[in-house]
Amino acid sequence: MRATLRVLSILLVAAGAGLLVYGLNTDAESYRAPFGLDGLMRKPAELMGYAAGLLVAGVLLLLLFGVRSPGAEKAGFEKS
């Protein structure tokens, strides 16, 4: 489960970063929505909003489920 969430968080961060770069480097006149999502992302600003949301979701998933706490106990070691 933890490994699946780590992979999902990496995919979300990568997609968010890629869409953010695409939105920043595209002119408003020549903008074309990626993946045929013309009805959902009509302007580069909307694309950057979705990209920021994907980045935040990926980072939160990574922080909540991917990073082990510093006090996590190792297998076979009991705290006395």
PDB file of N, CA and C in Angstrom:
ATOM      1  N   MET A   1       0.825  -1.185   0.000  1.00  0.00           N
ATOM      2  CA  MET A   1       0.000   0.000   0.000  1.00  0.00           C
ATOM      3  C   MET A   1       0.876   1.259   0.000  1.00  0.00           C
ATOM      4  N   ARG A   2       1.883   1.273   0.854  1.00  0.00           N
ATOM      5  CA  ARG A   2       2.757   2.436   0.952  1.00  0.00           C
ATOM      6  C   ARG A   2       3.530   2.642  -0.349  1.00  0.00           C
ATOM      7  N   ALA A   3       3.963   1.568  -0.964  1.00  0.00           N
ATOM      8  CA  ALA A   3       4.701   1.686  -2.217  1.00  0.00           C
ATOM      9  C   ALA A   3       3.799   2.222  -3.333  1.00  0.00           C
ATOM     10  N   THR A   4       2.551   1.797  -3.356  1.00  0.00           N
ATOM     11  CA  THR A   4       1.603   2.284  -4.360  1.00  0.00           C
ATOM     12  C   THR A   4       1.357   3.778  -4.188  1.00  0.00           C
ATOM     13  N   LEU A   5       1.227   4.227  -2.951  1.00  0.00           N
ATOM     14  CA  LEU A   5       1.012   5.644  -2.705  1.00  0.00           C
ATOM     15  C   LEU A   5       2.242   6.472  -3.058  1.00  0.00           C
ATOM     16  N   ARG A   6       3.421   5.905  -2.851  1.00  0.00           N
ATOM     17  CA  ARG A   6       4.653   6.605  -3.248  1.00  0.00           C
ATOM     18  C   ARG A   6       4.715   6.778  -4.758  1.00  0.00           C
ATOM     19  N   VAL A   7       4.380   5.720  -5.491  1.00  0.00           N
ATOM     20  CA  VAL A   7       4.392   5.796  -6.953  1.00  0.00           C
ATOM     21  C   VAL A   7       3.343   6.797  -7.429  1.00  0.00           C
ATOM     22  N   LEU A   8       2.161   6.776  -6.833  1.00  0.00           N
ATOM     23  CA  LEU A   8       1.112   7.729  -7.196  1.00  0.00           C
ATOM     24  C   LEU A   8       1.552   9.162  -6.926  1.00  0.00           C
ATOM     25  N   SER A   9       2.214   9.383  -5.798  1.00  0.00           N
ATOM     26  CA  SER A   9       2.676  10.738  -5.486  1.00  0.00           C
ATOM     27  C   SER A   9       3.737  11.200  -6.479  1.00  0.00           C
ATOM     28  N   ILE A  10       4.610  10.311  -6.896  1.00  0.00           N
ATOM     29  CA  ILE A  10       5.630  10.670  -7.888  1.00  0.00           C
ATOM     30  C   ILE A  10       4.983  10.998  -9.220  1.00  0.00           C
ATOM     31  N   LEU A  11       3.980  10.228  -9.622  1.00  0.00           N
ATOM     32  CA  LEU A  11       3.272  10.508 -10.876  1.00  0.00           C
ATOM     33  C   LEU A  11       2.535  11.844 -10.819  1.00  0.00           C
ATOM     34  N   LEU A  12       1.920  12.153  -9.686  1.00  0.00           N
ATOM     35  CA  LEU A  12       1.213  13.425  -9.545  1.00  0.00           C
ATOM     36  C   LEU A  12       2.176  14.606  -9.599  1.00  0.00           C
ATOM     37  N   VAL A  13       3.304  14.486  -8.927  1.00  0.00           N
ATOM     38  CA  VAL A  13       4.294  15.565  -8.947  1.00  0.00           C
ATOM     39  C   VAL A  13       4.854  15.740 -10.355  1.00  0.00           C
ATOM     40  N   ALA A  14       5.143  14.656 -11.036  1.00  0.00           N
ATOM     41  CA  ALA A  14       5.690  14.741 -12.394  1.00  0.00           C
ATOM     42  C   ALA A  14       4.674  15.348 -13.358  1.00  0.00           C
ATOM     43  N   ALA A  15       3.417  14.925 -13.272  1.00  0.00           N
ATOM     44  CA  ALA A  15       2.382  15.486 -14.143  1.00  0.00           C
ATOM     45  C   ALA A  15       2.162  16.960 -13.838  1.00  0.00           C
ATOM     46  N   GLY A  16       2.142  17.309 -12.561  1.00  0.00           N
ATOM     47  CA  GLY A  16       1.969  18.709 -12.190  1.00  0.00           C
ATOM     48  C   GLY A  16       3.108  19.582 -12.686  1.00  0.00           C
ATOM     49  N   ALA A  17       4.324  19.102 -12.537  1.00  0.00           N
ATOM     50  CA  ALA A  17       5.483  19.876 -12.998  1.00  0.00           C
ATOM     51  C   ALA A  17       5.472  20.018 -14.517  1.00  0.00           C
ATOM     52  N   GLY A  18       5.147  18.955 -15.214  1.00  0.00           N
ATOM     53  CA  GLY A  18       5.098  19.010 -16.677  1.00  0.00           C
ATOM     54  C   GLY A  18       4.024  19.955 -17.185  1.00  0.00           C
ATOM     55  N   LEU A  19       2.836  19.889 -16.594  1.00  0.00           N
ATOM     56  CA  LEU A  19       1.762  20.787 -17.012  1.00  0.00           C
ATOM     57  C   LEU A  19       2.069  22.234 -16.655  1.00  0.00           C
ATOM     58  N   LEU A  20       2.723  22.444 -15.539  1.00  0.00           N
ATOM     59  CA  LEU A  20       3.094  23.801 -15.140  1.00  0.00           C
ATOM     60  C   LEU A  20       4.094  24.399 -16.119  1.00  0.00           C
ATOM     61  N   VAL A  21       5.072  23.627 -16.520  1.00  0.00           N
ATOM     62  CA  VAL A  21       6.055  24.107 -17.493  1.00  0.00           C
ATOM     63  C   VAL A  21       5.377  24.375 -18.839  1.00  0.00           C
ATOM     64  N   TYR A  22       4.471  23.498 -19.248  1.00  0.00           N
ATOM     65  CA  TYR A  22       3.755  23.693 -20.506  1.00  0.00           C
ATOM     66  C   TYR A  22       2.905  24.963 -20.451  1.00  0.00           C
ATOM     67  N   GLY A  23       2.228  25.184 -19.337  1.00  0.00           N
ATOM     68  CA  GLY A  23       1.406  26.377 -19.197  1.00  0.00           C
ATOM     69  C   GLY A  23       2.219  27.657 -19.168  1.00  0.00           C
ATOM     70  N   LEU A  24       3.393  27.610 -18.571  1.00  0.00           N
ATOM     71  CA  LEU A  24       4.245  28.797 -18.506  1.00  0.00           C
ATOM     72  C   LEU A  24       4.881  29.136 -19.847  1.00  0.00           C
ATOM     73  N   ASN A  25       5.121  28.133 -20.679  1.00  0.00           N
ATOM     74  CA  ASN A  25       5.820  28.351 -21.942  1.00  0.00           C
ATOM     75  C   ASN A  25       4.897  28.477 -23.145  1.00  0.00           C
ATOM     76  N   THR A  26       3.600  28.546 -22.938  1.00  0.00           N
ATOM     77  CA  THR A  26       2.655  28.608 -24.039  1.00  0.00           C
ATOM     78  C   THR A  26       2.038  30.003 -24.108  1.00  0.00           C
ATOM     79  N   ASP A  27       1.971  30.547 -25.300  1.00  0.00           N
ATOM     80  CA  ASP A  27       1.281  31.818 -25.500  1.00  0.00           C
ATOM     81  C   ASP A  27      -0.218  31.600 -25.429  1.00  0.00           C
ATOM     82  N   ALA A  28      -0.937  32.627 -24.998  1.00  0.00           N
ATOM     83  CA  ALA A  28      -2.390  32.520 -24.880  1.00  0.00           C
ATOM     84  C   ALA A  28      -3.050  32.353 -26.259  1.00  0.00           C
ATOM     85  N   GLU A  29      -2.460  32.939 -27.292  1.00  0.00           N
ATOM     86  CA  GLU A  29      -3.050  32.843 -28.632  1.00  0.00           C
ATOM     87  C   GLU A  29      -2.850  31.460 -29.248  1.00  0.00           C
ATOM     88  N   SER A  30      -1.718  30.845 -28.972  1.00  0.00           N
ATOM     89  CA  SER A  30      -1.420  29.544 -29.586  1.00  0.00           C
ATOM     90  C   SER A  30      -1.656  28.379 -28.628  1.00  0.00           C
ATOM     91  N   TYR A  31      -2.389  28.637 -27.543  1.00  0.00           N
ATOM     92  CA  TYR A  31      -2.617  27.594 -26.532  1.00  0.00           C
ATOM     93  C   TYR A  31      -3.542  26.510 -27.067  1.00  0.00           C
ATOM     94  N   ARG A  32      -3.177  25.276 -26.813  1.00  0.00           N
ATOM     95  CA  ARG A  32      -3.992  24.112 -27.141  1.00  0.00           C
ATOM     96  C   ARG A  32      -3.962  23.205 -25.919  1.00  0.00           C
ATOM     97  N   ALA A  33      -5.127  22.830 -25.408  1.00  0.00           N
ATOM     98  CA  ALA A  33      -5.198  22.028 -24.185  1.00  0.00           C
ATOM     99  C   ALA A  33      -4.565  20.659 -24.405  1.00  0.00           C
ATOM    100  N   PRO A  34      -3.788  20.167 -23.431  1.00  0.00           N
ATOM    101  CA  PRO A  34      -3.172  18.849 -23.578  1.00  0.00           C
ATOM    102  C   PRO A  34      -4.198  17.731 -23.418  1.00  0.00           C
ATOM    103  N   PHE A  35      -3.940  16.634 -24.066  1.00  0.00           N
ATOM    104  CA  PHE A  35      -4.738  15.405 -23.955  1.00  0.00           C
ATOM    105  C   PHE A  35      -6.187  15.605 -24.377  1.00  0.00           C
ATOM    106  N   GLY A  36      -6.483  16.598 -25.190  1.00  0.00           N
ATOM    107  CA  GLY A  36      -7.840  16.821 -25.662  1.00  0.00           C
ATOM    108  C   GLY A  36      -8.804  17.305 -24.594  1.00  0.00           C
ATOM    109  N   LEU A  37      -8.308  17.975 -23.581  1.00  0.00           N
ATOM    110  CA  LEU A  37      -9.149  18.476 -22.491  1.00  0.00           C
ATOM    111  C   LEU A  37      -9.560  19.923 -22.747  1.00  0.00           C
ATOM    112  N   ASP A  38     -10.080  20.205 -23.946  1.00  0.00           N
ATOM    113  CA  ASP A  38     -10.434  21.568 -24.316  1.00  0.00           C
ATOM    114  C   ASP A  38     -11.561  22.132 -23.466  1.00  0.00           C
ATOM    115  N   GLY A  39     -12.500  21.302 -23.058  1.00  0.00           N
ATOM    116  CA  GLY A  39     -13.611  21.792 -22.252  1.00  0.00           C
ATOM    117  C   GLY A  39     -13.229  22.067 -20.813  1.00  0.00           C
ATOM    118  N   LEU A  40     -12.154  21.466 -20.348  1.00  0.00           N
ATOM    119  CA  LEU A  40     -11.747  21.603 -18.951  1.00  0.00           C
ATOM    120  C   LEU A  40     -10.707  22.697 -18.755  1.00  0.00           C
ATOM    121  N   MET A  41      -9.775  22.800 -19.678  1.00  0.00           N
ATOM    122  CA  MET A  41      -8.687  23.776 -19.563  1.00  0.00           C
ATOM    123  C   MET A  41      -8.712  24.669 -20.802  1.00  0.00           C
ATOM    124  N   ARG A  42      -9.346  25.822 -20.683  1.00  0.00           N
ATOM    125  CA  ARG A  42      -9.509  26.695 -21.844  1.00  0.00           C
ATOM    126  C   ARG A  42      -8.396  27.728 -21.979  1.00  0.00           C
ATOM    127  N   LYS A  43      -7.727  28.048 -20.880  1.00  0.00           N
ATOM    128  CA  LYS A  43      -6.680  29.073 -20.891  1.00  0.00           C
ATOM    129  C   LYS A  43      -5.441  28.525 -20.194  1.00  0.00           C
ATOM    130  N   PRO A  44      -4.273  29.098 -20.480  1.00  0.00           N
ATOM    131  CA  PRO A  44      -3.061  28.651 -19.787  1.00  0.00           C
ATOM    132  C   PRO A  44      -3.137  28.841 -18.273  1.00  0.00           C
ATOM    133  N   ALA A  45      -3.862  29.857 -17.817  1.00  0.00           N
ATOM    134  CA  ALA A  45      -3.985  30.077 -16.372  1.00  0.00           C
ATOM    135  C   ALA A  45      -4.745  28.925 -15.709  1.00  0.00           C
ATOM    136  N   GLU A  46      -5.762  28.415 -16.376  1.00  0.00           N
ATOM    137  CA  GLU A  46      -6.492  27.267 -15.834  1.00  0.00           C
ATOM    138  C   GLU A  46      -5.601  26.029 -15.791  1.00  0.00           C
ATOM    139  N   LEU A  47      -4.800  25.861 -16.824  1.00  0.00           N
ATOM    140  CA  LEU A  47      -3.865  24.737 -16.859  1.00  0.00           C
ATOM    141  C   LEU A  47      -2.879  24.828 -15.706  1.00  0.00           C
ATOM    142  N   MET A  48      -2.373  26.022 -15.425  1.00  0.00           N
ATOM    143  CA  MET A  48      -1.423  26.180 -14.327  1.00  0.00           C
ATOM    144  C   MET A  48      -2.096  25.954 -12.974  1.00  0.00           C
ATOM    145  N   GLY A  49      -3.373  26.275 -12.877  1.00  0.00           N
ATOM    146  CA  GLY A  49      -4.110  25.996 -11.649  1.00  0.00           C
ATOM    147  C   GLY A  49      -4.238  24.501 -11.396  1.00  0.00           C
ATOM    148  N   TYR A  50      -4.594  23.759 -12.444  1.00  0.00           N
ATOM    149  CA  TYR A  50      -4.661  22.309 -12.300  1.00  0.00           C
ATOM    150  C   TYR A  50      -3.288  21.712 -11.998  1.00  0.00           C
ATOM    151  N   ALA A  51      -2.253  22.261 -12.636  1.00  0.00           N
ATOM    152  CA  ALA A  51      -0.895  21.768 -12.399  1.00  0.00           C
ATOM    153  C   ALA A  51      -0.472  21.995 -10.956  1.00  0.00           C
ATOM    154  N   ALA A  52      -0.799  23.162 -10.423  1.00  0.00           N
ATOM    155  CA  ALA A  52      -0.462  23.444  -9.026  1.00  0.00           C
ATOM    156  C   ALA A  52      -1.210  22.500  -8.090  1.00  0.00           C
ATOM    157  N   GLY A  53      -2.452  22.201  -8.413  1.00  0.00           N
ATOM    158  CA  GLY A  53      -3.217  21.252  -7.608  1.00  0.00           C
ATOM    159  C   GLY A  53      -2.614  19.860  -7.634  1.00  0.00           C
ATOM    160  N   LEU A  54      -2.155  19.424  -8.798  1.00  0.00           N
ATOM    161  CA  LEU A  54      -1.509  18.108  -8.892  1.00  0.00           C
ATOM    162  C   LEU A  54      -0.206  18.078  -8.098  1.00  0.00           C
ATOM    163  N   LEU A  55       0.554  19.162  -8.164  1.00  0.00           N
ATOM    164  CA  LEU A  55       1.795  19.229  -7.388  1.00  0.00           C
ATOM    165  C   LEU A  55       1.517  19.159  -5.890  1.00  0.00           C
ATOM    166  N   VAL A  56       0.543  19.914  -5.438  1.00  0.00           N
ATOM    167  CA  VAL A  56       0.208  19.911  -4.011  1.00  0.00           C
ATOM    168  C   VAL A  56      -0.289  18.533  -3.587  1.00  0.00           C
ATOM    169  N   ALA A  57      -1.125  17.912  -4.403  1.00  0.00           N
ATOM    170  CA  ALA A  57      -1.632  16.575  -4.066  1.00  0.00           C
ATOM    171  C   ALA A  57      -0.498  15.556  -3.985  1.00  0.00           C
ATOM    172  N   GLY A  58       0.451  15.624  -4.919  1.00  0.00           N
ATOM    173  CA  GLY A  58       1.578  14.703  -4.893  1.00  0.00           C
ATOM    174  C   GLY A  58       2.475  14.898  -3.689  1.00  0.00           C
ATOM    175  N   VAL A  59       2.745  16.141  -3.352  1.00  0.00           N
ATOM    176  CA  VAL A  59       3.605  16.416  -2.191  1.00  0.00           C
ATOM    177  C   VAL A  59       2.907  15.996  -0.895  1.00  0.00           C
ATOM    178  N   LEU A  60       1.607  16.280  -0.784  1.00  0.00           N
ATOM    179  CA  LEU A  60       0.884  15.866   0.417  1.00  0.00           C
ATOM    180  C   LEU A  60       0.837  14.349   0.561  1.00  0.00           C
ATOM    181  N   LEU A  61       0.607  13.641  -0.533  1.00  0.00           N
ATOM    182  CA  LEU A  61       0.624  12.176  -0.462  1.00  0.00           C
ATOM    183  C   LEU A  61       1.991  11.675  -0.025  1.00  0.00           C
ATOM    184  N   LEU A  62       3.032  12.288  -0.563  1.00  0.00           N
ATOM    185  CA  LEU A  62       4.378  11.869  -0.200  1.00  0.00           C
ATOM    186  C   LEU A  62       4.671  12.155   1.265  1.00  0.00           C
ATOM    187  N   LEU A  63       4.252  13.314   1.743  1.00  0.00           N
ATOM    188  CA  LEU A  63       4.506  13.654   3.145  1.00  0.00           C
ATOM    189  C   LEU A  63       3.666  12.812   4.107  1.00  0.00           C
ATOM    190  N   LEU A  64       2.426  12.544   3.743  1.00  0.00           N
ATOM    191  CA  LEU A  64       1.545  11.803   4.650  1.00  0.00           C
ATOM    192  C   LEU A  64       1.831  10.307   4.678  1.00  0.00           C
ATOM    193  N   PHE A  65       2.154   9.743   3.521  1.00  0.00           N
ATOM    194  CA  PHE A  65       2.284   8.287   3.461  1.00  0.00           C
ATOM    195  C   PHE A  65       3.645   7.787   3.026  1.00  0.00           C
ATOM    196  N   GLY A  66       4.457   8.621   2.411  1.00  0.00           N
ATOM    197  CA  GLY A  66       5.703   8.133   1.841  1.00  0.00           C
ATOM    198  C   GLY A  66       6.911   8.263   2.734  1.00  0.00           C
ATOM    199  N   VAL A  67       6.893   9.222   3.624  1.00  0.00           N
ATOM    200  CA  VAL A  67       8.057   9.484   4.474  1.00  0.00           C
ATOM    201  C   VAL A  67       7.841   8.821   5.822  1.00  0.00           C
ATOM    202  N   ARG A  68       8.810   8.079   6.237  1.00  0.00           N
ATOM    203  CA  ARG A  68       8.722   7.450   7.560  1.00  0.00           C
ATOM    204  C   ARG A  68       9.144   8.442   8.616  1.00  0.00           C
ATOM    205  N   SER A  69       8.527   8.363   9.747  1.00  0.00           N
ATOM    206  CA  SER A  69       8.868   9.284  10.822  1.00  0.00           C
ATOM    207  C   SER A  69      10.250   8.942  11.384  1.00  0.00           C
ATOM    208  N   PRO A  70      10.968   9.922  11.912  1.00  0.00           N
ATOM    209  CA  PRO A  70      12.315   9.661  12.423  1.00  0.00           C
ATOM    210  C   PRO A  70      12.322   8.686  13.595  1.00  0.00           C
ATOM    211  N   GLY A  71      11.246   8.615  14.366  1.00  0.00           N
ATOM    212  CA  GLY A  71      11.199   7.717  15.488  1.00  0.00           C
ATOM    213  C   GLY A  71      10.629   6.350  15.171  1.00  0.00           C
ATOM    214  N   ALA A  72      10.503   6.023  13.891  1.00  0.00           N
ATOM    215  CA  ALA A  72       9.940   4.737  13.520  1.00  0.00           C
ATOM    216  C   ALA A  72      10.856   3.618  13.992  1.00  0.00           C
ATOM    217  N   GLU A  73      10.260   2.621  14.520  1.00  0.00           N
ATOM    218  CA  GLU A  73      11.038   1.511  15.087  1.00  0.00           C
ATOM    219  C   GLU A  73      11.423   0.520  13.996  1.00  0.00           C
ATOM    220  N   LYS A  74      12.615  -0.007  14.113  1.00  0.00           N
ATOM    221  CA  LYS A  74      13.066  -1.015  13.163  1.00  0.00           C
ATOM    222  C   LYS A  74      12.486  -2.370  13.548  1.00  0.00           C
ATOM    223  N   ALA A  75      12.394  -3.244  12.577  1.00  0.00           N
ATOM    224  CA  ALA A  75      11.838  -4.577  12.828  1.00  0.00           C
ATOM    225  C   ALA A  75      12.711  -5.331  13.804  1.00  0.00           C
ATOM    226  N   GLY A  76      12.103  -5.868  14.815  1.00  0.00           N
ATOM    227  CA  GLY A  76      12.830  -6.665  15.796  1.00  0.00           C
ATOM    228  C   GLY A  76      13.437  -5.853  16.924  1.00  0.00           C
ATOM    229  N   PHE A  77      13.288  -4.571  16.902  1.00  0.00           N
ATOM    230  CA  PHE A  77      13.852  -3.735  17.955  1.00  0.00           C
ATOM    231  C   PHE A  77      12.734  -3.216  18.833  1.00  0.00           C
ATOM    232  N   GLU A  78      12.814  -3.488  20.107  1.00  0.00           N
ATOM    233  CA  GLU A  78      11.794  -3.039  21.043  1.00  0.00           C
ATOM    234  C   GLU A  78      12.333  -1.891  21.873  1.00  0.00           C
ATOM    235  N   LYS A  79      11.497  -0.940  22.103  1.00  0.00           N
ATOM    236  CA  LYS A  79      11.869   0.205  22.912  1.00  0.00           C
ATOM    237  C   LYS A  79      11.704  -0.153  24.378  1.00  0.00           C
ATOM    238  N   SER A  80      12.698   0.149  25.179  1.00  0.00           N
ATOM    239  CA  SER A  80      12.582  -0.196  26.595  1.00  0.00           C
ATOM    240  C   SER A  80      12.352   1.014  27.467  1.00  0.00           C
TER     241      SER A  80
END
